[in-house]
Amino acid sequence: MNLEKLPAVKVILTSIFFLSFLACEKNDLTSRNANNDDQVQVINDVQYGSNTDISGNVQNLKLDVYLPPKTTEGQKLPLVLFIHGGGFTAGDKSSALNAMMSFAQAGFVSVSIDYRVAGSIDPTITDPCDIDTNITNKSIYMAVQDSRAAMRYMVANAEKYHIDTSRIFLVGSSAGAVTALNAYYLTQQDFNSYIPNVESELGGIDNADNNLTNTFRVVAMGANSGCLPSVNYINVQNAVPTIFFHGGADSVIPIDKGHSYYCPNTIYVYGSRSLYKRFEQLGKPAVLHVDPQGEHGPYTQDFLTQDEICFFNSVLSRKIETGSFSGDQSSCP
């Protein structure tokens, strides 16, 4: 989704960034057609949790699972979990259908999740510099809670969905990339320091949405037009191989560093090029794709997915790709 084409009220929250019961399923694996062995097997609307959104309404949180063709009993496959974009105000899991199909065809159990979005809080606001940053912070925090709850759910159901829990990949686009990076690199203490009283008001990042206590370990990430509030959240101990994508002329999330939308009241963030340089400084593998003249989210879904598949396969083979690429130059070997 190109955020530049969304109405202003739907785009604004993209600029700034930075919970319980046992989930049940609407559809079960037994419902799929056993004769479609050459097709991706899709299980829609699996409920992984439930929580109150920023408007006070209870939302059942769901995800879609895409199983690779010819998945056999007892087989363990790598997992890719995708977080959609939409400025923290819009979007849903269905936008990732084509990407999830491609990942599944490549041998990954692929999952696209819904998370709580803010919607149109104040339709009179047309300038991103006028947005309430407290609402933005809470929206991002809720997205982090939901993403981590979905990861716990998939690990808890790893056997059912043929998941090798030692090979988990996290992918996000725009607001989803912001969520993915914050969900992985920021601790509860970090959020508590940044958003006053957030844990007491909204619960913790690891006890929201469902009562599962499973832990998870991400081995690599894909981040399209994302950022972090500081490069220092990435260190030698926690850095995982990451493939970044960004537009050189992005006016929503700066490719280097600065205030989103160049609004002085928004949070100062570090975009993909700054994060890539941090990986270089630490001697950790990463790939950076830059469209020099590209605005926010300039790459096609097909380009993103194919290069992410190549990168993740390089991680699995322990021959990890690294380097910076310009324009439509692929990083695939």
C-alpha atoms as a PDB file:
ATOM      1  CA  MET A   1       0.000   0.000   0.000  1.00  0.00           C
ATOM      2  CA  ASN A   2       1.374   3.394  -0.972  1.00  0.00           C
ATOM      3  CA  LEU A   3       0.814   5.577   2.090  1.00  0.00           C
ATOM      4  CA  GLU A   4       1.211   8.717   0.045  1.00  0.00           C
ATOM      5  CA  LYS A   5      -2.181   8.022  -1.564  1.00  0.00           C
ATOM      6  CA  LEU A   6      -4.064   7.633   1.710  1.00  0.00           C
ATOM      7  CA  PRO A   7      -6.170  10.523   3.029  1.00  0.00           C
ATOM      8  CA  ALA A   8      -4.139  12.685   5.388  1.00  0.00           C
ATOM      9  CA  VAL A   9      -5.984  11.526   8.462  1.00  0.00           C
ATOM     10  CA  LYS A  10      -5.121   7.935   7.582  1.00  0.00           C
ATOM     11  CA  VAL A  11      -1.466   8.661   6.941  1.00  0.00           C
ATOM     12  CA  ILE A  12      -0.584  10.910   9.851  1.00  0.00           C
ATOM     13  CA  LEU A  13       0.218   8.276  12.439  1.00  0.00           C
ATOM     14  CA  THR A  14       2.769   6.661  10.153  1.00  0.00           C
ATOM     15  CA  SER A  15       4.994   9.592  10.822  1.00  0.00           C
ATOM     16  CA  ILE A  16       5.491   8.953  14.525  1.00  0.00           C
ATOM     17  CA  PHE A  17       6.451   5.995  16.547  1.00  0.00           C
ATOM     18  CA  PHE A  18       7.484   5.238  18.414  1.00  0.00           C
ATOM     19  CA  LEU A  19      -4.216  -7.946  26.699  1.00  0.00           C
ATOM     20  CA  SER A  20      -6.398 -12.082  27.926  1.00  0.00           C
ATOM     21  CA  PHE A  21      -7.552 -15.529  27.062  1.00  0.00           C
ATOM     22  CA  LEU A  22      -6.559 -18.725  25.269  1.00  0.00           C
ATOM     23  CA  ALA A  23      -7.119 -18.058  21.599  1.00  0.00           C
ATOM     24  CA  CYS A  24      -9.388 -20.283  19.560  1.00  0.00           C
ATOM     25  CA  GLU A  25      -9.561 -20.894  15.828  1.00  0.00           C
ATOM     26  CA  LYS A  26     -12.329 -20.236  13.384  1.00  0.00           C
ATOM     27  CA  ASN A  27     -10.894 -22.657  10.837  1.00  0.00           C
ATOM     28  CA  ASP A  28      -8.935 -25.826  11.541  1.00  0.00           C
ATOM     29  CA  LEU A  29      -6.302 -27.550   9.450  1.00  0.00           C
ATOM     30  CA  THR A  30      -8.673 -30.457   8.920  1.00  0.00           C
ATOM     31  CA  SER A  31     -10.882 -28.200   6.803  1.00  0.00           C
ATOM     32  CA  ARG A  32      -8.418 -27.887   3.923  1.00  0.00           C
ATOM     33  CA  ASN A  33      -8.681 -29.916   0.752  1.00  0.00           C
ATOM     34  CA  ALA A  34      -6.369 -32.911   1.055  1.00  0.00           C
ATOM     35  CA  ASN A  35      -6.223 -33.236  -2.758  1.00  0.00           C
ATOM     36  CA  ASN A  36      -4.542 -29.857  -3.316  1.00  0.00           C
ATOM     37  CA  ASP A  37      -1.038 -31.130  -2.575  1.00  0.00           C
ATOM     38  CA  ASP A  38       0.514 -28.850  -5.199  1.00  0.00           C
ATOM     39  CA  GLN A  39      -1.168 -25.719  -3.875  1.00  0.00           C
ATOM     40  CA  VAL A  40      -0.490 -23.414  -0.974  1.00  0.00           C
ATOM     41  CA  GLN A  41      -2.835 -24.367   1.841  1.00  0.00           C
ATOM     42  CA  VAL A  42      -4.489 -21.331   3.460  1.00  0.00           C
ATOM     43  CA  ILE A  43      -6.130 -21.244   6.898  1.00  0.00           C
ATOM     44  CA  ASN A  44      -7.959 -17.939   7.343  1.00  0.00           C
ATOM     45  CA  ASP A  45      -8.990 -16.035  10.459  1.00  0.00           C
ATOM     46  CA  VAL A  46      -7.185 -17.949  13.164  1.00  0.00           C
ATOM     47  CA  GLN A  47      -7.796 -16.033  16.388  1.00  0.00           C
ATOM     48  CA  TYR A  48      -4.635 -15.488  18.408  1.00  0.00           C
ATOM     49  CA  GLY A  49      -5.979 -13.078  21.014  1.00  0.00           C
ATOM     50  CA  SER A  50      -8.309 -10.257  21.951  1.00  0.00           C
ATOM     51  CA  ASN A  51      -7.907  -6.800  23.443  1.00  0.00           C
ATOM     52  CA  THR A  52      -9.353  -3.314  23.728  1.00  0.00           C
ATOM     53  CA  ASP A  53      -8.353  -0.871  21.011  1.00  0.00           C
ATOM     54  CA  ILE A  54      -7.506   2.795  21.486  1.00  0.00           C
ATOM     55  CA  SER A  55     -11.206   3.753  21.221  1.00  0.00           C
ATOM     56  CA  GLY A  56     -12.190   1.321  23.966  1.00  0.00           C
ATOM     57  CA  ASN A  57     -13.708  -1.325  21.712  1.00  0.00           C
ATOM     58  CA  VAL A  58     -12.856  -5.011  22.128  1.00  0.00           C
ATOM     59  CA  GLN A  59     -11.184  -6.435  19.020  1.00  0.00           C
ATOM     60  CA  ASN A  60     -10.667 -10.113  18.282  1.00  0.00           C
ATOM     61  CA  LEU A  61      -7.192 -10.430  16.779  1.00  0.00           C
ATOM     62  CA  LYS A  62      -6.761 -12.824  13.877  1.00  0.00           C
ATOM     63  CA  LEU A  63      -4.122 -14.118  11.505  1.00  0.00           C
ATOM     64  CA  ASP A  64      -3.941 -16.091   8.271  1.00  0.00           C
ATOM     65  CA  VAL A  65      -1.634 -19.097   7.856  1.00  0.00           C
ATOM     66  CA  TYR A  66      -0.191 -20.162   4.474  1.00  0.00           C
ATOM     67  CA  LEU A  67       1.328 -23.659   4.394  1.00  0.00           C
ATOM     68  CA  PRO A  68       3.758 -24.630   1.623  1.00  0.00           C
ATOM     69  CA  PRO A  69       2.601 -27.223  -0.923  1.00  0.00           C
ATOM     70  CA  LYS A  70       3.130 -30.866  -0.014  1.00  0.00           C
ATOM     71  CA  THR A  71       3.657 -30.168   3.684  1.00  0.00           C
ATOM     72  CA  THR A  72       3.846 -33.551   5.368  1.00  0.00           C
ATOM     73  CA  GLU A  73       3.077 -34.760   8.876  1.00  0.00           C
ATOM     74  CA  GLY A  74       5.919 -34.068  11.266  1.00  0.00           C
ATOM     75  CA  GLN A  75       7.700 -31.722   8.850  1.00  0.00           C
ATOM     76  CA  LYS A  76       9.255 -28.613  10.419  1.00  0.00           C
ATOM     77  CA  LEU A  77       9.591 -25.510   8.268  1.00  0.00           C
ATOM     78  CA  PRO A  78      10.824 -21.931   8.791  1.00  0.00           C
ATOM     79  CA  LEU A  79       8.210 -19.326   9.739  1.00  0.00           C
ATOM     80  CA  VAL A  80       7.771 -15.850   8.263  1.00  0.00           C
ATOM     81  CA  LEU A  81       5.452 -13.535  10.202  1.00  0.00           C
ATOM     82  CA  PHE A  82       4.328 -10.417   8.313  1.00  0.00           C
ATOM     83  CA  ILE A  83       3.074  -7.109   9.802  1.00  0.00           C
ATOM     84  CA  HIS A  84       1.132  -4.886   7.387  1.00  0.00           C
ATOM     85  CA  GLY A  85       1.413  -1.135   6.911  1.00  0.00           C
ATOM     86  CA  GLY A  86      -1.258   1.560   7.024  1.00  0.00           C
ATOM     87  CA  GLY A  87      -0.010   4.366   9.230  1.00  0.00           C
ATOM     88  CA  PHE A  88      -1.268   2.698  12.430  1.00  0.00           C
ATOM     89  CA  THR A  89      -4.746   3.868  11.394  1.00  0.00           C
ATOM     90  CA  ALA A  90      -5.702   1.404   8.665  1.00  0.00           C
ATOM     91  CA  GLY A  91      -4.746  -1.787   6.811  1.00  0.00           C
ATOM     92  CA  ASP A  92      -5.287  -5.476   7.435  1.00  0.00           C
ATOM     93  CA  LYS A  93      -3.704  -8.893   6.952  1.00  0.00           C
ATOM     94  CA  SER A  94      -5.280  -9.497   3.530  1.00  0.00           C
ATOM     95  CA  SER A  95      -2.944  -6.946   1.923  1.00  0.00           C
ATOM     96  CA  ALA A  96      -0.109  -9.464   2.244  1.00  0.00           C
ATOM     97  CA  LEU A  97      -1.836 -12.286   0.361  1.00  0.00           C
ATOM     98  CA  ASN A  98       0.477 -12.285  -2.677  1.00  0.00           C
ATOM     99  CA  ALA A  99       3.601 -11.980  -0.555  1.00  0.00           C
ATOM    100  CA  MET A 100       2.480 -14.801   1.745  1.00  0.00           C
ATOM    101  CA  MET A 101       1.740 -17.028  -1.245  1.00  0.00           C
ATOM    102  CA  SER A 102       5.249 -16.390  -2.593  1.00  0.00           C
ATOM    103  CA  PHE A 103       6.889 -17.137   0.765  1.00  0.00           C
ATOM    104  CA  ALA A 104       4.847 -20.338   1.087  1.00  0.00           C
ATOM    105  CA  GLN A 105       5.783 -21.445  -2.432  1.00  0.00           C
ATOM    106  CA  ALA A 106       9.419 -20.914  -1.377  1.00  0.00           C
ATOM    107  CA  GLY A 107       9.006 -23.284   1.576  1.00  0.00           C
ATOM    108  CA  PHE A 108       8.170 -20.953   4.455  1.00  0.00           C
ATOM    109  CA  VAL A 109       5.136 -21.260   6.699  1.00  0.00           C
ATOM    110  CA  SER A 110       3.815 -17.743   6.194  1.00  0.00           C
ATOM    111  CA  VAL A 111       1.586 -15.786   8.578  1.00  0.00           C
ATOM    112  CA  SER A 112      -0.017 -12.380   8.107  1.00  0.00           C
ATOM    113  CA  ILE A 113      -1.548 -10.768  11.179  1.00  0.00           C
ATOM    114  CA  ASP A 114      -4.145  -8.161  12.013  1.00  0.00           C
ATOM    115  CA  TYR A 115      -3.332  -5.821  14.881  1.00  0.00           C
ATOM    116  CA  ARG A 116      -5.161  -2.973  16.583  1.00  0.00           C
ATOM    117  CA  VAL A 117      -5.152   0.226  14.523  1.00  0.00           C
ATOM    118  CA  ALA A 118      -6.341   3.635  15.660  1.00  0.00           C
ATOM    119  CA  GLY A 119      -8.697   4.483  12.803  1.00  0.00           C
ATOM    120  CA  SER A 120      -9.762   8.077  12.253  1.00  0.00           C
ATOM    121  CA  ILE A 121      -9.429   9.533  15.745  1.00  0.00           C
ATOM    122  CA  ASP A 122     -10.020  13.161  14.725  1.00  0.00           C
ATOM    123  CA  PRO A 123     -11.161  13.704  11.107  1.00  0.00           C
ATOM    124  CA  THR A 124     -10.563  17.452  11.403  1.00  0.00           C
ATOM    125  CA  ILE A 125      -6.797  16.971  11.552  1.00  0.00           C
ATOM    126  CA  THR A 126      -5.155  17.315   8.133  1.00  0.00           C
ATOM    127  CA  ASP A 127      -1.625  18.273   9.141  1.00  0.00           C
ATOM    128  CA  PRO A 128       0.636  15.561  10.597  1.00  0.00           C
ATOM    129  CA  CYS A 129       2.289  18.203  12.761  1.00  0.00           C
ATOM    130  CA  ASP A 130      -1.008  18.581  14.651  1.00  0.00           C
ATOM    131  CA  ILE A 131      -1.430  14.941  15.636  1.00  0.00           C
ATOM    132  CA  ASP A 132      -1.525  13.927  19.293  1.00  0.00           C
ATOM    133  CA  THR A 133       1.788  12.123  19.797  1.00  0.00           C
ATOM    134  CA  ASN A 134       0.382  10.328  22.844  1.00  0.00           C
ATOM    135  CA  ILE A 135      -2.150   8.562  20.605  1.00  0.00           C
ATOM    136  CA  THR A 136       0.610   7.635  18.180  1.00  0.00           C
ATOM    137  CA  ASN A 137       2.841   6.228  20.909  1.00  0.00           C
ATOM    138  CA  LYS A 138       0.028   4.114  22.303  1.00  0.00           C
ATOM    139  CA  SER A 139      -0.931   2.855  18.834  1.00  0.00           C
ATOM    140  CA  ILE A 140       2.604   1.679  18.168  1.00  0.00           C
ATOM    141  CA  TYR A 141       2.817   0.082  21.604  1.00  0.00           C
ATOM    142  CA  MET A 142      -0.441  -1.809  20.958  1.00  0.00           C
ATOM    143  CA  ALA A 143       0.874  -3.004  17.585  1.00  0.00           C
ATOM    144  CA  VAL A 144       4.014  -4.272  19.338  1.00  0.00           C
ATOM    145  CA  GLN A 145       1.899  -6.084  21.939  1.00  0.00           C
ATOM    146  CA  ASP A 146      -0.202  -7.732  19.245  1.00  0.00           C
ATOM    147  CA  SER A 147       2.781  -8.783  17.126  1.00  0.00           C
ATOM    148  CA  ARG A 148       4.509 -10.387  20.084  1.00  0.00           C
ATOM    149  CA  ALA A 149       1.262 -12.124  21.098  1.00  0.00           C
ATOM    150  CA  ALA A 150       0.967 -13.541  17.565  1.00  0.00           C
ATOM    151  CA  MET A 151       4.539 -14.833  17.790  1.00  0.00           C
ATOM    152  CA  ARG A 152       3.758 -16.527  21.098  1.00  0.00           C
ATOM    153  CA  TYR A 153       0.690 -18.104  19.556  1.00  0.00           C
ATOM    154  CA  MET A 154       2.592 -19.522  16.588  1.00  0.00           C
ATOM    155  CA  VAL A 155       5.305 -20.959  18.837  1.00  0.00           C
ATOM    156  CA  ALA A 156       2.656 -22.504  21.103  1.00  0.00           C
ATOM    157  CA  ASN A 157       1.108 -24.127  18.033  1.00  0.00           C
ATOM    158  CA  ALA A 158       4.352 -24.945  16.257  1.00  0.00           C
ATOM    159  CA  GLU A 159       3.625 -28.649  15.892  1.00  0.00           C
ATOM    160  CA  LYS A 160       0.182 -28.042  14.443  1.00  0.00           C
ATOM    161  CA  TYR A 161       1.473 -25.611  11.839  1.00  0.00           C
ATOM    162  CA  HIS A 162       4.743 -27.437  11.012  1.00  0.00           C
ATOM    163  CA  ILE A 163       6.976 -24.672  12.406  1.00  0.00           C
ATOM    164  CA  ASP A 164      10.649 -24.986  13.247  1.00  0.00           C
ATOM    165  CA  THR A 165      10.871 -22.517  16.139  1.00  0.00           C
ATOM    166  CA  SER A 166      14.631 -22.123  15.650  1.00  0.00           C
ATOM    167  CA  ARG A 167      14.005 -20.522  12.230  1.00  0.00           C
ATOM    168  CA  ILE A 168      11.632 -17.578  12.710  1.00  0.00           C
ATOM    169  CA  PHE A 169      11.703 -14.517  10.436  1.00  0.00           C
ATOM    170  CA  LEU A 170       9.908 -11.217  11.053  1.00  0.00           C
ATOM    171  CA  VAL A 171       8.846  -8.934   8.181  1.00  0.00           C
ATOM    172  CA  GLY A 172       7.085  -5.572   8.122  1.00  0.00           C
ATOM    173  CA  SER A 173       6.222  -2.791   5.711  1.00  0.00           C
ATOM    174  CA  SER A 174       5.967   0.902   6.662  1.00  0.00           C
ATOM    175  CA  ALA A 175       4.039   0.970   9.967  1.00  0.00           C
ATOM    176  CA  GLY A 176       4.583  -2.793  10.009  1.00  0.00           C
ATOM    177  CA  ALA A 177       8.347  -2.312   9.679  1.00  0.00           C
ATOM    178  CA  VAL A 178       8.286   0.223  12.512  1.00  0.00           C
ATOM    179  CA  THR A 179       6.336  -2.300  14.578  1.00  0.00           C
ATOM    180  CA  ALA A 180       8.663  -5.190  13.731  1.00  0.00           C
ATOM    181  CA  LEU A 181      11.826  -3.260  14.586  1.00  0.00           C
ATOM    182  CA  ASN A 182      10.381  -1.850  17.808  1.00  0.00           C
ATOM    183  CA  ALA A 183       8.914  -5.221  18.792  1.00  0.00           C
ATOM    184  CA  TYR A 184      12.277  -6.913  18.435  1.00  0.00           C
ATOM    185  CA  TYR A 185      14.760  -4.287  19.646  1.00  0.00           C
ATOM    186  CA  LEU A 186      12.952  -2.388  22.406  1.00  0.00           C
ATOM    187  CA  THR A 187      12.497  -3.968  25.827  1.00  0.00           C
ATOM    188  CA  GLN A 188       9.707  -3.320  28.302  1.00  0.00           C
ATOM    189  CA  GLN A 189      12.060  -1.014  30.175  1.00  0.00           C
ATOM    190  CA  ASP A 190      12.717   0.940  26.981  1.00  0.00           C
ATOM    191  CA  PHE A 191       9.005   1.473  26.374  1.00  0.00           C
ATOM    192  CA  ASN A 192       8.401   2.405  30.005  1.00  0.00           C
ATOM    193  CA  SER A 193      11.110   5.057  29.753  1.00  0.00           C
ATOM    194  CA  TYR A 194       9.762   6.407  26.506  1.00  0.00           C
ATOM    195  CA  ILE A 195       5.994   6.331  27.152  1.00  0.00           C
ATOM    196  CA  PRO A 196       5.150   7.263  30.758  1.00  0.00           C
ATOM    197  CA  ASN A 197       2.829   4.835  32.578  1.00  0.00           C
ATOM    198  CA  VAL A 198       2.316   2.740  29.445  1.00  0.00           C
ATOM    199  CA  GLU A 199       2.754  -0.629  31.143  1.00  0.00           C
ATOM    200  CA  SER A 200       0.368   0.180  33.992  1.00  0.00           C
ATOM    201  CA  GLU A 201      -2.191   1.563  31.552  1.00  0.00           C
ATOM    202  CA  LEU A 202      -2.016  -0.939  28.675  1.00  0.00           C
ATOM    203  CA  GLY A 203      -0.233  -3.949  30.148  1.00  0.00           C
ATOM    204  CA  GLY A 204       3.154  -5.357  29.244  1.00  0.00           C
ATOM    205  CA  ILE A 205       4.480  -6.212  25.819  1.00  0.00           C
ATOM    206  CA  ASP A 206       4.517  -9.907  26.717  1.00  0.00           C
ATOM    207  CA  ASN A 207       1.317 -10.388  28.713  1.00  0.00           C
ATOM    208  CA  ALA A 208      -1.268  -8.831  26.389  1.00  0.00           C
ATOM    209  CA  ASP A 209      -3.950 -10.348  24.119  1.00  0.00           C
ATOM    210  CA  ASN A 210      -3.619 -13.943  25.325  1.00  0.00           C
ATOM    211  CA  ASN A 211      -2.269 -15.775  28.370  1.00  0.00           C
ATOM    212  CA  LEU A 212       0.412 -17.734  26.513  1.00  0.00           C
ATOM    213  CA  THR A 213       3.914 -17.531  27.974  1.00  0.00           C
ATOM    214  CA  ASN A 214       5.931 -19.060  25.125  1.00  0.00           C
ATOM    215  CA  THR A 215       9.172 -17.342  24.188  1.00  0.00           C
ATOM    216  CA  PHE A 216      10.446 -16.909  20.655  1.00  0.00           C
ATOM    217  CA  ARG A 217      13.702 -16.122  18.891  1.00  0.00           C
ATOM    218  CA  VAL A 218      13.866 -14.190  15.627  1.00  0.00           C
ATOM    219  CA  VAL A 219      16.818 -15.144  13.385  1.00  0.00           C
ATOM    220  CA  ALA A 220      16.453 -12.456  10.689  1.00  0.00           C
ATOM    221  CA  MET A 221      14.220  -9.583   9.634  1.00  0.00           C
ATOM    222  CA  GLY A 222      12.914  -7.694   6.606  1.00  0.00           C
ATOM    223  CA  ALA A 223      12.076  -3.987   7.065  1.00  0.00           C
ATOM    224  CA  ASN A 224      10.526  -1.871   4.304  1.00  0.00           C
ATOM    225  CA  SER A 225      10.564   1.860   5.101  1.00  0.00           C
ATOM    226  CA  GLY A 226      10.990   1.404   8.844  1.00  0.00           C
ATOM    227  CA  CYS A 227      12.934   3.054  11.642  1.00  0.00           C
ATOM    228  CA  LEU A 228      13.905   3.035  15.304  1.00  0.00           C
ATOM    229  CA  PRO A 229      14.047   5.864  17.870  1.00  0.00           C
ATOM    230  CA  SER A 230      17.789   5.235  18.275  1.00  0.00           C
ATOM    231  CA  VAL A 231      20.445   3.134  16.560  1.00  0.00           C
ATOM    232  CA  ASN A 232      21.817   2.278  19.993  1.00  0.00           C
ATOM    233  CA  TYR A 233      18.987  -0.171  20.605  1.00  0.00           C
ATOM    234  CA  ILE A 234      20.932  -2.423  18.216  1.00  0.00           C
ATOM    235  CA  ASN A 235      24.033  -3.970  19.768  1.00  0.00           C
ATOM    236  CA  VAL A 236      26.420  -6.871  19.254  1.00  0.00           C
ATOM    237  CA  GLN A 237      24.296  -9.196  21.378  1.00  0.00           C
ATOM    238  CA  ASN A 238      20.880  -8.611  19.792  1.00  0.00           C
ATOM    239  CA  ALA A 239      21.611  -7.712  16.160  1.00  0.00           C
ATOM    240  CA  VAL A 240      20.065 -10.167  13.713  1.00  0.00           C
ATOM    241  CA  PRO A 241      20.641 -10.165   9.934  1.00  0.00           C
ATOM    242  CA  THR A 242      18.260  -7.666   8.347  1.00  0.00           C
ATOM    243  CA  ILE A 243      17.347  -6.626   4.814  1.00  0.00           C
ATOM    244  CA  PHE A 244      16.271  -2.966   4.614  1.00  0.00           C
ATOM    245  CA  PHE A 245      14.379  -1.134   1.852  1.00  0.00           C
ATOM    246  CA  HIS A 246      13.863   2.644   1.689  1.00  0.00           C
ATOM    247  CA  GLY A 247      13.213   5.554  -0.633  1.00  0.00           C
ATOM    248  CA  GLY A 248      15.945   8.171  -0.747  1.00  0.00           C
ATOM    249  CA  ALA A 249      13.336  10.948  -0.920  1.00  0.00           C
ATOM    250  CA  ASP A 250      11.041   9.530   1.772  1.00  0.00           C
ATOM    251  CA  SER A 251       9.212  12.447   3.419  1.00  0.00           C
ATOM    252  CA  VAL A 252       7.351  10.222   5.883  1.00  0.00           C
ATOM    253  CA  ILE A 253      10.227   8.322   7.509  1.00  0.00           C
ATOM    254  CA  PRO A 254      13.662   9.853   6.794  1.00  0.00           C
ATOM    255  CA  ILE A 255      16.084   7.391   5.255  1.00  0.00           C
ATOM    256  CA  ASP A 256      18.848   8.724   7.517  1.00  0.00           C
ATOM    257  CA  LYS A 257      17.524  10.512  10.606  1.00  0.00           C
ATOM    258  CA  GLY A 258      15.193  13.307  11.563  1.00  0.00           C
ATOM    259  CA  HIS A 259      11.624  14.113  12.550  1.00  0.00           C
ATOM    260  CA  SER A 260       8.926  12.290  10.612  1.00  0.00           C
ATOM    261  CA  TYR A 261       7.210  14.541   8.122  1.00  0.00           C
ATOM    262  CA  TYR A 262       9.848  17.063   9.188  1.00  0.00           C
ATOM    263  CA  CYS A 263       7.512  18.198  11.945  1.00  0.00           C
ATOM    264  CA  PRO A 264       9.421  19.606  14.940  1.00  0.00           C
ATOM    265  CA  ASN A 265       6.984  18.055  17.436  1.00  0.00           C
ATOM    266  CA  THR A 266       7.224  14.489  16.114  1.00  0.00           C
ATOM    267  CA  ILE A 267       9.619  11.888  17.403  1.00  0.00           C
ATOM    268  CA  TYR A 268      13.188  11.941  16.125  1.00  0.00           C
ATOM    269  CA  VAL A 269      13.859   8.667  14.335  1.00  0.00           C
ATOM    270  CA  TYR A 270      16.610   6.783  12.541  1.00  0.00           C
ATOM    271  CA  GLY A 271      15.744   5.319   9.145  1.00  0.00           C
ATOM    272  CA  SER A 272      17.088   2.401   7.165  1.00  0.00           C
ATOM    273  CA  ARG A 273      20.420   3.903   6.118  1.00  0.00           C
ATOM    274  CA  SER A 274      21.292   4.853   9.688  1.00  0.00           C
ATOM    275  CA  LEU A 275      20.333   1.372  10.878  1.00  0.00           C
ATOM    276  CA  TYR A 276      22.371  -0.254   8.093  1.00  0.00           C
ATOM    277  CA  LYS A 277      25.404   1.830   9.086  1.00  0.00           C
ATOM    278  CA  ARG A 278      24.927   0.636  12.665  1.00  0.00           C
ATOM    279  CA  PHE A 279      25.127  -2.959  11.434  1.00  0.00           C
ATOM    280  CA  GLU A 280      28.306  -2.095   9.539  1.00  0.00           C
ATOM    281  CA  GLN A 281      29.766  -0.516  12.668  1.00  0.00           C
ATOM    282  CA  LEU A 282      29.015  -3.665  14.671  1.00  0.00           C
ATOM    283  CA  GLY A 283      30.323  -5.972  11.941  1.00  0.00           C
ATOM    284  CA  LYS A 284      26.926  -7.627  11.556  1.00  0.00           C
ATOM    285  CA  PRO A 285      25.440  -8.761   8.205  1.00  0.00           C
ATOM    286  CA  ALA A 286      22.742  -6.624   6.596  1.00  0.00           C
ATOM    287  CA  VAL A 287      21.493  -5.593   3.164  1.00  0.00           C
ATOM    288  CA  LEU A 288      20.263  -2.122   2.224  1.00  0.00           C
ATOM    289  CA  HIS A 289      18.157  -1.334  -0.856  1.00  0.00           C
ATOM    290  CA  VAL A 290      17.738   2.358  -1.698  1.00  0.00           C
ATOM    291  CA  ASP A 291      15.642   3.844  -4.482  1.00  0.00           C
ATOM    292  CA  PRO A 292      17.491   7.203  -4.720  1.00  0.00           C
ATOM    293  CA  GLN A 293      14.478   9.189  -5.940  1.00  0.00           C
ATOM    294  CA  GLY A 294      11.853   7.029  -4.275  1.00  0.00           C
ATOM    295  CA  GLU A 295       9.274   8.360  -1.854  1.00  0.00           C
ATOM    296  CA  HIS A 296       7.740   6.316   0.981  1.00  0.00           C
ATOM    297  CA  GLY A 297       7.542   2.599   0.142  1.00  0.00           C
ATOM    298  CA  PRO A 298       8.890   2.814  -3.427  1.00  0.00           C
ATOM    299  CA  TYR A 299       9.503  -0.876  -4.095  1.00  0.00           C
ATOM    300  CA  THR A 300       6.925  -3.274  -5.511  1.00  0.00           C
ATOM    301  CA  GLN A 301       5.689  -6.144  -3.366  1.00  0.00           C
ATOM    302  CA  ASP A 302       7.217  -8.637  -5.803  1.00  0.00           C
ATOM    303  CA  PHE A 303      10.662  -7.012  -5.556  1.00  0.00           C
ATOM    304  CA  LEU A 304      10.474  -6.916  -1.769  1.00  0.00           C
ATOM    305  CA  THR A 305       9.352 -10.513  -1.428  1.00  0.00           C
ATOM    306  CA  GLN A 306      11.816 -12.051  -3.868  1.00  0.00           C
ATOM    307  CA  ASP A 307      14.807 -10.301  -2.313  1.00  0.00           C
ATOM    308  CA  GLU A 308      13.603 -11.159   1.194  1.00  0.00           C
ATOM    309  CA  ILE A 309      13.305 -14.819   0.193  1.00  0.00           C
ATOM    310  CA  CYS A 310      16.865 -14.743  -1.175  1.00  0.00           C
ATOM    311  CA  PHE A 311      18.144 -13.043   1.958  1.00  0.00           C
ATOM    312  CA  PHE A 312      16.377 -15.427   4.335  1.00  0.00           C
ATOM    313  CA  ASN A 313      17.661 -18.428   2.385  1.00  0.00           C
ATOM    314  CA  SER A 314      21.169 -17.020   2.709  1.00  0.00           C
ATOM    315  CA  VAL A 315      20.642 -16.891   6.471  1.00  0.00           C
ATOM    316  CA  LEU A 316      19.426 -20.496   6.507  1.00  0.00           C
ATOM    317  CA  SER A 317      22.446 -21.620   4.470  1.00  0.00           C
ATOM    318  CA  ARG A 318      24.797 -19.619   6.724  1.00  0.00           C
ATOM    319  CA  LYS A 319      26.131 -17.760   3.675  1.00  0.00           C
ATOM    320  CA  ILE A 320      24.521 -14.476   4.598  1.00  0.00           C
ATOM    321  CA  GLU A 321      24.267 -11.756   1.970  1.00  0.00           C
ATOM    322  CA  THR A 322      25.479  -8.266   2.845  1.00  0.00           C
ATOM    323  CA  GLY A 323      25.918  -4.944   1.070  1.00  0.00           C
ATOM    324  CA  SER A 324      24.175  -1.842  -0.257  1.00  0.00           C
ATOM    325  CA  PHE A 325      22.189  -1.780  -3.507  1.00  0.00           C
ATOM    326  CA  SER A 326      20.718   1.078  -5.503  1.00  0.00           C
ATOM    327  CA  GLY A 327      17.531   1.351  -7.532  1.00  0.00           C
ATOM    328  CA  ASP A 328      16.070  -1.884  -8.841  1.00  0.00           C
ATOM    329  CA  GLN A 329      19.322  -3.815  -8.468  1.00  0.00           C
ATOM    330  CA  SER A 330      18.531  -7.137  -6.819  1.00  0.00           C
ATOM    331  CA  SER A 331      20.611  -8.458  -3.943  1.00  0.00           C
ATOM    332  CA  CYS A 332      19.884 -12.045  -4.993  1.00  0.00           C
ATOM    333  CA  PRO A 333      23.101 -13.850  -5.956  1.00  0.00           C
END
